[in-house]
Amino acid sequence: MLTGAILAGGESRRFGRNKALEEFQGKRLIEWGLESLRRFCDPLLVVANDLSLYYDVQATLVQDIIPRQGPLGGIYTALLFSTHDWVMVKATDMPFLVPELLNLMEGLKEGADAVVPLYNNKYEPLLAVYHRRCIPAIADVLEGTERKVVSFYRRIKLRALDEDAWRSVDKDGRSFWNINTLEDWEQLQWN
């Protein structure tokens, strides 16, 4: 079993308001994210700086251990609060998840500290699985000035899920659709 963690602490600067609370087809994005993980993960965590926005969601609310550290701090917090060794991390602005993608990631866990898909030849760190063994590497990075999630990857046993493999189960890359701008939001409305 995995712990599922939705990272909902973002400031949504490019979007202009909290994306997690935006409604799409009758549900807020945070609810879409939680539902996509519910059948694979227990417990489900929502990690954020301000938990008061999420009191009504069906998940365990966890405040960032170190506030305002971005997604890296959110992953760190999720790993610290996880009841399982492995955590499926998902950004709140990525509402969909093709179930077979998670199955592919799970199949690559053995001998790894993290399984991260490649999308357009770049790591997609906010739709990935991380082992609690990553905690010390993340803590080291957080003590410095770097905040990019990928900055701790060189310190762990990382297994990449290449794009050819995941496209076999998610041809259109729907799992990776992400809402950063109002234009992205408009495009989502038409898909």
N, C-alpha and C. Protein backbone atom coordinates (compact mmCIF):
# COMPACT_ATOMS: atom_id res chain seq x y z
N MET A 1 0.85 -1.19 0.00
CA MET A 1 0.00 0.00 0.00
C MET A 1 0.89 1.24 0.00
N LEU A 2 0.36 2.29 -0.59
CA LEU A 2 1.05 3.57 -0.66
C LEU A 2 0.28 4.61 0.15
N THR A 3 0.99 5.58 0.66
CA THR A 3 0.34 6.80 1.13
C THR A 3 0.19 7.69 -0.10
N GLY A 4 -0.94 8.34 -0.23
CA GLY A 4 -1.13 9.30 -1.31
C GLY A 4 -1.04 10.71 -0.75
N ALA A 5 -0.33 11.58 -1.44
CA ALA A 5 -0.16 12.95 -0.97
C ALA A 5 -0.45 13.94 -2.09
N ILE A 6 -1.43 14.79 -1.88
CA ILE A 6 -1.72 15.88 -2.79
C ILE A 6 -1.02 17.12 -2.25
N LEU A 7 -0.17 17.71 -3.06
CA LEU A 7 0.52 18.93 -2.66
C LEU A 7 -0.35 20.12 -3.06
N ALA A 8 -0.86 20.82 -2.06
CA ALA A 8 -1.81 21.91 -2.30
C ALA A 8 -1.33 23.22 -1.70
N GLY A 9 -0.05 23.35 -1.53
CA GLY A 9 0.47 24.55 -0.87
C GLY A 9 0.92 25.64 -1.80
N GLY A 10 0.76 25.44 -3.10
CA GLY A 10 1.26 26.40 -4.07
C GLY A 10 0.61 27.76 -3.97
N GLU A 11 1.35 28.76 -4.39
CA GLU A 11 0.84 30.13 -4.34
C GLU A 11 0.07 30.51 -5.60
N SER A 12 0.14 29.70 -6.63
CA SER A 12 -0.62 29.93 -7.87
C SER A 12 -0.40 31.32 -8.44
N ARG A 13 0.85 31.78 -8.45
CA ARG A 13 1.15 33.13 -8.93
C ARG A 13 0.72 33.33 -10.38
N ARG A 14 1.05 32.38 -11.26
CA ARG A 14 0.72 32.54 -12.67
C ARG A 14 -0.78 32.43 -12.91
N PHE A 15 -1.45 31.65 -12.07
CA PHE A 15 -2.89 31.45 -12.24
C PHE A 15 -3.69 32.61 -11.65
N GLY A 16 -3.19 33.18 -10.57
CA GLY A 16 -3.84 34.34 -9.97
C GLY A 16 -4.76 34.05 -8.80
N ARG A 17 -5.05 32.78 -8.54
CA ARG A 17 -5.86 32.38 -7.39
C ARG A 17 -5.57 30.90 -7.10
N ASN A 18 -6.08 30.41 -5.99
CA ASN A 18 -5.79 29.04 -5.57
C ASN A 18 -6.42 28.03 -6.53
N LYS A 19 -5.59 27.33 -7.28
CA LYS A 19 -6.08 26.36 -8.27
C LYS A 19 -6.81 25.19 -7.62
N ALA A 20 -6.38 24.79 -6.45
CA ALA A 20 -6.98 23.63 -5.79
C ALA A 20 -8.48 23.80 -5.57
N LEU A 21 -8.92 25.04 -5.45
CA LEU A 21 -10.32 25.32 -5.16
C LEU A 21 -11.15 25.57 -6.41
N GLU A 22 -10.51 25.58 -7.57
CA GLU A 22 -11.23 25.81 -8.83
C GLU A 22 -12.09 24.59 -9.16
N GLU A 23 -13.30 24.84 -9.62
CA GLU A 23 -14.23 23.76 -9.92
C GLU A 23 -14.18 23.38 -11.39
N PHE A 24 -14.09 22.07 -11.61
CA PHE A 24 -14.08 21.49 -12.96
C PHE A 24 -15.07 20.34 -12.97
N GLN A 25 -16.06 20.40 -13.83
CA GLN A 25 -17.09 19.37 -13.95
C GLN A 25 -17.69 18.98 -12.59
N GLY A 26 -18.01 20.00 -11.81
CA GLY A 26 -18.72 19.79 -10.55
C GLY A 26 -17.87 19.45 -9.35
N LYS A 27 -16.55 19.36 -9.51
CA LYS A 27 -15.66 19.06 -8.38
C LYS A 27 -14.47 20.00 -8.42
N ARG A 28 -13.96 20.33 -7.25
CA ARG A 28 -12.76 21.14 -7.19
C ARG A 28 -11.54 20.30 -7.59
N LEU A 29 -10.51 20.96 -8.08
CA LEU A 29 -9.32 20.24 -8.52
C LEU A 29 -8.73 19.37 -7.41
N ILE A 30 -8.77 19.85 -6.18
CA ILE A 30 -8.24 19.04 -5.08
C ILE A 30 -9.02 17.74 -4.94
N GLU A 31 -10.32 17.78 -5.16
CA GLU A 31 -11.14 16.57 -5.08
C GLU A 31 -10.84 15.62 -6.23
N TRP A 32 -10.62 16.17 -7.43
CA TRP A 32 -10.22 15.32 -8.55
C TRP A 32 -8.92 14.58 -8.22
N GLY A 33 -7.96 15.30 -7.67
CA GLY A 33 -6.68 14.69 -7.33
C GLY A 33 -6.82 13.59 -6.29
N LEU A 34 -7.58 13.86 -5.24
CA LEU A 34 -7.78 12.86 -4.20
C LEU A 34 -8.49 11.63 -4.74
N GLU A 35 -9.53 11.84 -5.54
CA GLU A 35 -10.26 10.71 -6.10
C GLU A 35 -9.39 9.85 -7.01
N SER A 36 -8.45 10.48 -7.72
CA SER A 36 -7.59 9.71 -8.61
C SER A 36 -6.65 8.79 -7.84
N LEU A 37 -6.39 9.11 -6.58
CA LEU A 37 -5.48 8.29 -5.75
C LEU A 37 -6.22 7.34 -4.80
N ARG A 38 -7.48 7.61 -4.54
CA ARG A 38 -8.21 6.93 -3.47
C ARG A 38 -8.16 5.40 -3.57
N ARG A 39 -8.28 4.84 -4.76
CA ARG A 39 -8.34 3.37 -4.83
C ARG A 39 -6.97 2.70 -4.73
N PHE A 40 -5.90 3.50 -4.76
CA PHE A 40 -4.55 2.95 -4.68
C PHE A 40 -3.85 3.28 -3.37
N CYS A 41 -4.29 4.33 -2.71
CA CYS A 41 -3.55 4.87 -1.57
C CYS A 41 -4.42 4.99 -0.33
N ASP A 42 -3.82 4.67 0.80
CA ASP A 42 -4.47 4.85 2.08
C ASP A 42 -3.37 4.91 3.14
N PRO A 43 -3.26 6.01 3.82
CA PRO A 43 -4.14 7.17 3.85
C PRO A 43 -3.88 8.13 2.69
N LEU A 44 -4.77 9.13 2.61
CA LEU A 44 -4.59 10.24 1.68
C LEU A 44 -4.27 11.48 2.50
N LEU A 45 -3.22 12.18 2.10
CA LEU A 45 -2.81 13.41 2.78
C LEU A 45 -3.00 14.59 1.84
N VAL A 46 -3.37 15.72 2.39
CA VAL A 46 -3.31 17.00 1.70
C VAL A 46 -2.27 17.80 2.45
N VAL A 47 -1.20 18.17 1.75
CA VAL A 47 -0.11 18.92 2.36
C VAL A 47 -0.20 20.36 1.86
N ALA A 48 -0.26 21.30 2.80
CA ALA A 48 -0.41 22.71 2.44
C ALA A 48 0.12 23.59 3.56
N ASN A 49 0.34 24.85 3.24
CA ASN A 49 0.70 25.84 4.25
C ASN A 49 -0.53 26.26 5.05
N ASP A 50 -1.65 26.51 4.37
CA ASP A 50 -2.88 26.97 5.01
C ASP A 50 -3.93 25.86 4.92
N LEU A 51 -4.09 25.13 5.99
CA LEU A 51 -5.02 23.99 6.00
C LEU A 51 -6.48 24.42 6.08
N SER A 52 -6.74 25.64 6.53
CA SER A 52 -8.13 26.08 6.71
C SER A 52 -8.92 26.04 5.40
N LEU A 53 -8.23 26.09 4.27
CA LEU A 53 -8.91 26.05 2.98
C LEU A 53 -9.46 24.67 2.63
N TYR A 54 -9.00 23.65 3.37
CA TYR A 54 -9.31 22.27 3.00
C TYR A 54 -10.01 21.48 4.11
N TYR A 55 -10.59 22.17 5.07
CA TYR A 55 -11.23 21.47 6.19
C TYR A 55 -12.34 20.52 5.73
N ASP A 56 -12.91 20.77 4.58
CA ASP A 56 -14.04 19.94 4.13
C ASP A 56 -13.63 18.78 3.22
N VAL A 57 -12.35 18.58 2.96
CA VAL A 57 -11.96 17.47 2.08
C VAL A 57 -11.81 16.17 2.88
N GLN A 58 -12.02 15.07 2.19
CA GLN A 58 -11.94 13.75 2.81
C GLN A 58 -10.50 13.23 2.73
N ALA A 59 -9.64 13.78 3.57
CA ALA A 59 -8.24 13.39 3.62
C ALA A 59 -7.65 13.90 4.93
N THR A 60 -6.50 13.39 5.27
CA THR A 60 -5.77 13.89 6.44
C THR A 60 -5.03 15.14 6.03
N LEU A 61 -5.24 16.22 6.76
CA LEU A 61 -4.60 17.49 6.45
C LEU A 61 -3.29 17.59 7.23
N VAL A 62 -2.23 17.96 6.50
CA VAL A 62 -0.91 18.04 7.11
C VAL A 62 -0.28 19.37 6.71
N GLN A 63 0.10 20.14 7.70
CA GLN A 63 0.72 21.44 7.43
C GLN A 63 2.20 21.24 7.14
N ASP A 64 2.71 21.98 6.16
CA ASP A 64 4.12 21.91 5.82
C ASP A 64 4.98 22.06 7.07
N ILE A 65 5.91 21.14 7.27
CA ILE A 65 6.82 21.16 8.41
C ILE A 65 7.68 22.43 8.37
N ILE A 66 8.18 22.74 7.19
CA ILE A 66 8.97 23.95 6.99
C ILE A 66 8.19 24.79 6.00
N PRO A 67 7.52 25.84 6.45
CA PRO A 67 6.65 26.61 5.56
C PRO A 67 7.39 27.25 4.39
N ARG A 68 6.66 27.40 3.32
CA ARG A 68 7.08 28.16 2.14
C ARG A 68 8.37 27.63 1.50
N GLN A 69 8.46 26.33 1.39
CA GLN A 69 9.60 25.70 0.73
C GLN A 69 9.21 25.08 -0.60
N GLY A 70 8.00 25.38 -1.05
CA GLY A 70 7.55 24.89 -2.34
C GLY A 70 7.28 23.40 -2.32
N PRO A 71 7.19 22.80 -3.51
CA PRO A 71 6.89 21.36 -3.60
C PRO A 71 7.91 20.48 -2.88
N LEU A 72 9.17 20.90 -2.85
CA LEU A 72 10.19 20.10 -2.16
C LEU A 72 9.83 19.97 -0.68
N GLY A 73 9.42 21.06 -0.07
CA GLY A 73 8.98 21.02 1.32
C GLY A 73 7.73 20.18 1.50
N GLY A 74 6.85 20.21 0.52
CA GLY A 74 5.64 19.39 0.58
C GLY A 74 5.95 17.90 0.51
N ILE A 75 6.87 17.52 -0.36
CA ILE A 75 7.28 16.11 -0.45
C ILE A 75 7.91 15.67 0.86
N TYR A 76 8.77 16.51 1.40
CA TYR A 76 9.43 16.23 2.69
C TYR A 76 8.39 15.99 3.77
N THR A 77 7.41 16.87 3.86
CA THR A 77 6.36 16.75 4.87
C THR A 77 5.55 15.46 4.67
N ALA A 78 5.19 15.17 3.43
CA ALA A 78 4.42 13.94 3.15
C ALA A 78 5.20 12.71 3.57
N LEU A 79 6.49 12.67 3.28
CA LEU A 79 7.30 11.51 3.67
C LEU A 79 7.40 11.38 5.18
N LEU A 80 7.53 12.49 5.88
CA LEU A 80 7.61 12.45 7.35
C LEU A 80 6.32 11.95 7.98
N PHE A 81 5.17 12.30 7.38
CA PHE A 81 3.88 11.93 7.95
C PHE A 81 3.31 10.63 7.39
N SER A 82 3.97 10.04 6.44
CA SER A 82 3.47 8.81 5.81
C SER A 82 3.48 7.64 6.79
N THR A 83 2.43 6.84 6.74
CA THR A 83 2.38 5.62 7.53
C THR A 83 2.97 4.44 6.76
N HIS A 84 3.32 4.66 5.50
CA HIS A 84 3.93 3.63 4.67
C HIS A 84 5.30 4.12 4.20
N ASP A 85 6.12 3.18 3.75
CA ASP A 85 7.44 3.55 3.26
C ASP A 85 7.38 4.34 1.96
N TRP A 86 6.39 4.07 1.13
CA TRP A 86 6.28 4.71 -0.18
C TRP A 86 5.13 5.70 -0.20
N VAL A 87 5.37 6.84 -0.86
CA VAL A 87 4.36 7.89 -0.99
C VAL A 87 4.20 8.23 -2.47
N MET A 88 2.96 8.22 -2.92
CA MET A 88 2.63 8.71 -4.26
C MET A 88 2.34 10.19 -4.11
N VAL A 89 3.16 11.02 -4.74
CA VAL A 89 3.03 12.47 -4.67
C VAL A 89 2.38 12.96 -5.95
N LYS A 90 1.43 13.87 -5.78
CA LYS A 90 0.70 14.40 -6.93
C LYS A 90 0.39 15.87 -6.67
N ALA A 91 0.65 16.70 -7.65
CA ALA A 91 0.31 18.11 -7.54
C ALA A 91 -1.20 18.29 -7.66
N THR A 92 -1.73 19.24 -6.94
CA THR A 92 -3.17 19.49 -6.97
C THR A 92 -3.64 20.00 -8.32
N ASP A 93 -2.73 20.55 -9.11
CA ASP A 93 -3.14 21.08 -10.42
C ASP A 93 -2.98 20.06 -11.53
N MET A 94 -2.82 18.79 -11.18
CA MET A 94 -2.79 17.68 -12.13
C MET A 94 -3.98 16.77 -11.79
N PRO A 95 -5.15 17.09 -12.32
CA PRO A 95 -6.37 16.42 -11.83
C PRO A 95 -6.53 14.96 -12.21
N PHE A 96 -5.85 14.49 -13.23
CA PHE A 96 -6.11 13.14 -13.74
C PHE A 96 -4.96 12.19 -13.44
N LEU A 97 -5.28 10.92 -13.41
CA LEU A 97 -4.27 9.87 -13.28
C LEU A 97 -4.80 8.62 -13.94
N VAL A 98 -4.12 8.19 -14.99
CA VAL A 98 -4.46 6.92 -15.61
C VAL A 98 -3.93 5.83 -14.68
N PRO A 99 -4.80 4.96 -14.15
CA PRO A 99 -4.39 3.98 -13.14
C PRO A 99 -3.19 3.13 -13.55
N GLU A 100 -3.11 2.76 -14.81
CA GLU A 100 -2.01 1.91 -15.25
C GLU A 100 -0.65 2.59 -15.13
N LEU A 101 -0.63 3.91 -15.12
CA LEU A 101 0.62 4.64 -14.93
C LEU A 101 1.17 4.36 -13.54
N LEU A 102 0.30 4.40 -12.55
CA LEU A 102 0.75 4.10 -11.19
C LEU A 102 1.23 2.66 -11.10
N ASN A 103 0.56 1.75 -11.79
CA ASN A 103 1.01 0.35 -11.81
C ASN A 103 2.42 0.24 -12.38
N LEU A 104 2.70 0.98 -13.46
CA LEU A 104 4.05 0.98 -14.04
C LEU A 104 5.08 1.49 -13.03
N MET A 105 4.76 2.56 -12.34
CA MET A 105 5.70 3.11 -11.35
C MET A 105 5.93 2.12 -10.22
N GLU A 106 4.84 1.50 -9.76
CA GLU A 106 4.98 0.51 -8.69
C GLU A 106 5.88 -0.64 -9.10
N GLY A 107 5.81 -1.02 -10.35
CA GLY A 107 6.64 -2.12 -10.85
C GLY A 107 8.11 -1.81 -10.91
N LEU A 108 8.47 -0.54 -10.78
CA LEU A 108 9.88 -0.13 -10.85
C LEU A 108 10.47 0.22 -9.48
N LYS A 109 9.72 0.05 -8.41
CA LYS A 109 10.16 0.49 -7.08
C LYS A 109 11.33 -0.30 -6.52
N GLU A 110 11.38 -1.58 -6.79
CA GLU A 110 12.39 -2.42 -6.15
C GLU A 110 13.80 -1.91 -6.43
N GLY A 111 14.55 -1.72 -5.36
CA GLY A 111 15.92 -1.25 -5.48
C GLY A 111 16.06 0.24 -5.71
N ALA A 112 14.95 0.97 -5.72
CA ALA A 112 14.98 2.41 -5.97
C ALA A 112 14.52 3.17 -4.73
N ASP A 113 14.87 4.45 -4.68
CA ASP A 113 14.38 5.35 -3.65
C ASP A 113 13.25 6.22 -4.19
N ALA A 114 13.17 6.33 -5.50
CA ALA A 114 12.11 7.11 -6.14
C ALA A 114 11.93 6.62 -7.57
N VAL A 115 10.69 6.69 -8.03
CA VAL A 115 10.37 6.40 -9.43
C VAL A 115 9.68 7.64 -9.98
N VAL A 116 10.32 8.23 -10.99
CA VAL A 116 9.85 9.50 -11.52
C VAL A 116 9.70 9.39 -13.03
N PRO A 117 8.52 9.69 -13.55
CA PRO A 117 8.35 9.65 -15.01
C PRO A 117 9.12 10.78 -15.71
N LEU A 118 9.51 10.49 -16.93
CA LEU A 118 10.08 11.50 -17.80
C LEU A 118 8.98 11.98 -18.73
N TYR A 119 8.87 13.30 -18.89
CA TYR A 119 7.89 13.89 -19.77
C TYR A 119 8.62 14.95 -20.58
N ASN A 120 8.63 14.79 -21.89
CA ASN A 120 9.40 15.69 -22.76
C ASN A 120 10.87 15.76 -22.32
N ASN A 121 11.42 14.59 -21.98
CA ASN A 121 12.82 14.44 -21.57
C ASN A 121 13.18 15.17 -20.28
N LYS A 122 12.20 15.49 -19.47
CA LYS A 122 12.44 16.11 -18.16
C LYS A 122 11.69 15.30 -17.11
N TYR A 123 12.25 15.27 -15.90
CA TYR A 123 11.56 14.59 -14.81
C TYR A 123 10.25 15.30 -14.49
N GLU A 124 9.25 14.51 -14.15
CA GLU A 124 7.97 15.04 -13.68
C GLU A 124 7.86 14.71 -12.19
N PRO A 125 8.50 15.53 -11.34
CA PRO A 125 8.64 15.19 -9.92
C PRO A 125 7.36 15.28 -9.11
N LEU A 126 6.32 15.88 -9.66
CA LEU A 126 5.09 16.04 -8.90
C LEU A 126 4.01 15.05 -9.32
N LEU A 127 4.43 13.99 -9.96
CA LEU A 127 3.60 12.82 -10.22
C LEU A 127 4.54 11.63 -10.16
N ALA A 128 4.95 11.30 -8.94
CA ALA A 128 6.02 10.33 -8.74
C ALA A 128 5.83 9.60 -7.41
N VAL A 129 6.59 8.52 -7.24
CA VAL A 129 6.58 7.82 -5.96
C VAL A 129 7.96 7.94 -5.32
N TYR A 130 7.92 8.21 -4.01
CA TYR A 130 9.14 8.42 -3.24
C TYR A 130 9.13 7.52 -2.01
N HIS A 131 10.30 6.99 -1.68
CA HIS A 131 10.47 6.18 -0.48
C HIS A 131 10.93 7.08 0.67
N ARG A 132 10.63 6.66 1.87
CA ARG A 132 11.05 7.44 3.04
C ARG A 132 12.57 7.57 3.13
N ARG A 133 13.30 6.72 2.42
CA ARG A 133 14.77 6.85 2.40
C ARG A 133 15.21 8.19 1.82
N CYS A 134 14.32 8.88 1.13
CA CYS A 134 14.64 10.20 0.54
C CYS A 134 14.70 11.31 1.59
N ILE A 135 14.18 11.07 2.77
CA ILE A 135 14.08 12.14 3.79
C ILE A 135 15.44 12.80 4.06
N PRO A 136 16.51 12.05 4.34
CA PRO A 136 17.78 12.73 4.63
C PRO A 136 18.30 13.56 3.45
N ALA A 137 18.16 13.07 2.24
CA ALA A 137 18.63 13.82 1.07
C ALA A 137 17.84 15.11 0.90
N ILE A 138 16.53 15.04 1.11
CA ILE A 138 15.71 16.25 1.00
C ILE A 138 16.07 17.23 2.11
N ALA A 139 16.26 16.72 3.33
CA ALA A 139 16.62 17.59 4.46
C ALA A 139 17.93 18.33 4.16
N ASP A 140 18.90 17.62 3.59
CA ASP A 140 20.17 18.27 3.24
C ASP A 140 19.96 19.40 2.26
N VAL A 141 19.13 19.17 1.25
CA VAL A 141 18.87 20.20 0.25
C VAL A 141 18.13 21.38 0.89
N LEU A 142 17.15 21.09 1.74
CA LEU A 142 16.38 22.17 2.38
C LEU A 142 17.24 23.03 3.30
N GLU A 143 18.32 22.48 3.82
CA GLU A 143 19.22 23.27 4.66
C GLU A 143 20.01 24.28 3.83
N GLY A 144 20.09 24.06 2.53
CA GLY A 144 20.78 25.00 1.65
C GLY A 144 19.80 25.98 1.04
N THR A 145 20.12 26.45 -0.14
CA THR A 145 19.27 27.46 -0.79
C THR A 145 18.49 26.90 -1.98
N GLU A 146 18.80 25.69 -2.40
CA GLU A 146 18.13 25.10 -3.57
C GLU A 146 16.74 24.62 -3.18
N ARG A 147 15.74 24.87 -4.06
CA ARG A 147 14.37 24.44 -3.78
C ARG A 147 13.77 23.61 -4.91
N LYS A 148 14.50 23.39 -5.98
CA LYS A 148 13.97 22.55 -7.05
C LYS A 148 13.89 21.11 -6.55
N VAL A 149 12.79 20.46 -6.84
CA VAL A 149 12.62 19.09 -6.38
C VAL A 149 13.74 18.20 -6.90
N VAL A 150 14.11 18.37 -8.16
CA VAL A 150 15.12 17.49 -8.75
C VAL A 150 16.50 17.66 -8.12
N SER A 151 16.70 18.67 -7.29
CA SER A 151 18.02 18.93 -6.72
C SER A 151 18.50 17.82 -5.79
N PHE A 152 17.61 17.01 -5.24
CA PHE A 152 18.07 15.92 -4.37
C PHE A 152 18.21 14.59 -5.13
N TYR A 153 17.85 14.57 -6.39
CA TYR A 153 17.87 13.31 -7.15
C TYR A 153 19.26 12.69 -7.25
N ARG A 154 20.29 13.50 -7.33
CA ARG A 154 21.65 12.94 -7.47
C ARG A 154 22.11 12.25 -6.18
N ARG A 155 21.38 12.42 -5.10
CA ARG A 155 21.75 11.84 -3.80
C ARG A 155 21.00 10.54 -3.49
N ILE A 156 20.12 10.12 -4.40
CA ILE A 156 19.30 8.94 -4.15
C ILE A 156 19.41 7.96 -5.32
N LYS A 157 18.83 6.78 -5.12
CA LYS A 157 18.72 5.81 -6.22
C LYS A 157 17.43 6.11 -6.96
N LEU A 158 17.58 6.78 -8.07
CA LEU A 158 16.43 7.24 -8.85
C LEU A 158 16.21 6.30 -10.03
N ARG A 159 14.97 5.94 -10.24
CA ARG A 159 14.60 5.16 -11.42
C ARG A 159 13.63 6.00 -12.24
N ALA A 160 13.98 6.24 -13.47
CA ALA A 160 13.13 7.02 -14.37
C ALA A 160 12.18 6.08 -15.11
N LEU A 161 10.95 6.53 -15.27
CA LEU A 161 9.98 5.83 -16.11
C LEU A 161 9.97 6.57 -17.43
N ASP A 162 10.51 5.94 -18.46
CA ASP A 162 10.64 6.67 -19.72
C ASP A 162 9.29 6.85 -20.42
N GLU A 163 9.28 7.84 -21.27
CA GLU A 163 8.04 8.27 -21.91
C GLU A 163 7.44 7.18 -22.80
N ASP A 164 8.27 6.43 -23.50
CA ASP A 164 7.74 5.35 -24.34
C ASP A 164 6.96 4.34 -23.50
N ALA A 165 7.47 4.05 -22.30
CA ALA A 165 6.79 3.08 -21.43
C ALA A 165 5.44 3.61 -20.95
N TRP A 166 5.41 4.84 -20.43
CA TRP A 166 4.14 5.31 -19.90
C TRP A 166 3.15 5.67 -21.00
N ARG A 167 3.65 6.05 -22.18
CA ARG A 167 2.72 6.34 -23.29
C ARG A 167 1.97 5.08 -23.73
N SER A 168 2.51 3.91 -23.40
CA SER A 168 1.81 2.67 -23.74
C SER A 168 0.51 2.52 -22.95
N VAL A 169 0.38 3.24 -21.82
CA VAL A 169 -0.84 3.17 -21.01
C VAL A 169 -1.57 4.51 -20.93
N ASP A 170 -0.91 5.58 -21.32
CA ASP A 170 -1.50 6.92 -21.26
C ASP A 170 -1.05 7.69 -22.51
N LYS A 171 -1.57 7.24 -23.65
CA LYS A 171 -1.14 7.72 -24.97
C LYS A 171 -1.13 9.25 -25.07
N ASP A 172 -2.15 9.90 -24.55
CA ASP A 172 -2.27 11.36 -24.66
C ASP A 172 -1.59 12.12 -23.52
N GLY A 173 -1.01 11.40 -22.57
CA GLY A 173 -0.36 12.06 -21.45
C GLY A 173 -1.32 12.78 -20.52
N ARG A 174 -2.55 12.28 -20.46
CA ARG A 174 -3.59 12.91 -19.64
C ARG A 174 -3.17 13.03 -18.17
N SER A 175 -2.45 12.05 -17.67
CA SER A 175 -2.00 12.09 -16.27
C SER A 175 -1.12 13.30 -15.99
N PHE A 176 -0.48 13.83 -17.02
CA PHE A 176 0.48 14.92 -16.85
C PHE A 176 -0.12 16.29 -17.15
N TRP A 177 -1.41 16.33 -17.53
CA TRP A 177 -2.03 17.62 -17.78
C TRP A 177 -1.98 18.42 -16.50
N ASN A 178 -1.54 19.65 -16.62
CA ASN A 178 -1.32 20.45 -15.45
C ASN A 178 -1.80 21.88 -15.72
N ILE A 179 -2.36 22.48 -14.71
CA ILE A 179 -2.97 23.81 -14.83
C ILE A 179 -2.04 24.83 -14.19
N ASN A 180 -1.36 25.61 -15.01
CA ASN A 180 -0.49 26.67 -14.48
C ASN A 180 -1.03 28.06 -14.73
N THR A 181 -1.75 28.22 -15.83
CA THR A 181 -2.22 29.54 -16.24
C THR A 181 -3.72 29.49 -16.52
N LEU A 182 -4.31 30.65 -16.68
CA LEU A 182 -5.73 30.70 -17.05
C LEU A 182 -5.95 30.09 -18.43
N GLU A 183 -4.95 30.19 -19.31
CA GLU A 183 -5.05 29.56 -20.63
C GLU A 183 -5.10 28.03 -20.50
N ASP A 184 -4.28 27.48 -19.59
CA ASP A 184 -4.34 26.03 -19.33
C ASP A 184 -5.72 25.64 -18.82
N TRP A 185 -6.28 26.46 -17.95
CA TRP A 185 -7.61 26.20 -17.39
C TRP A 185 -8.66 26.18 -18.48
N GLU A 186 -8.59 27.14 -19.38
CA GLU A 186 -9.55 27.20 -20.49
C GLU A 186 -9.42 25.96 -21.37
N GLN A 187 -8.20 25.54 -21.63
CA GLN A 187 -7.99 24.35 -22.47
C GLN A 187 -8.54 23.10 -21.80
N LEU A 188 -8.40 23.01 -20.48
CA LEU A 188 -8.94 21.87 -19.74
C LEU A 188 -10.45 21.79 -19.90
N GLN A 189 -11.11 22.93 -19.92
CA GLN A 189 -12.56 22.97 -20.02
C GLN A 189 -13.05 22.32 -21.33
N TRP A 190 -12.20 22.30 -22.35
CA TRP A 190 -12.60 21.76 -23.65
C TRP A 190 -12.16 20.33 -23.87
N ASN A 191 -11.46 19.74 -22.89
CA ASN A 191 -10.99 18.35 -23.04
C ASN A 191 -11.80 17.39 -22.22
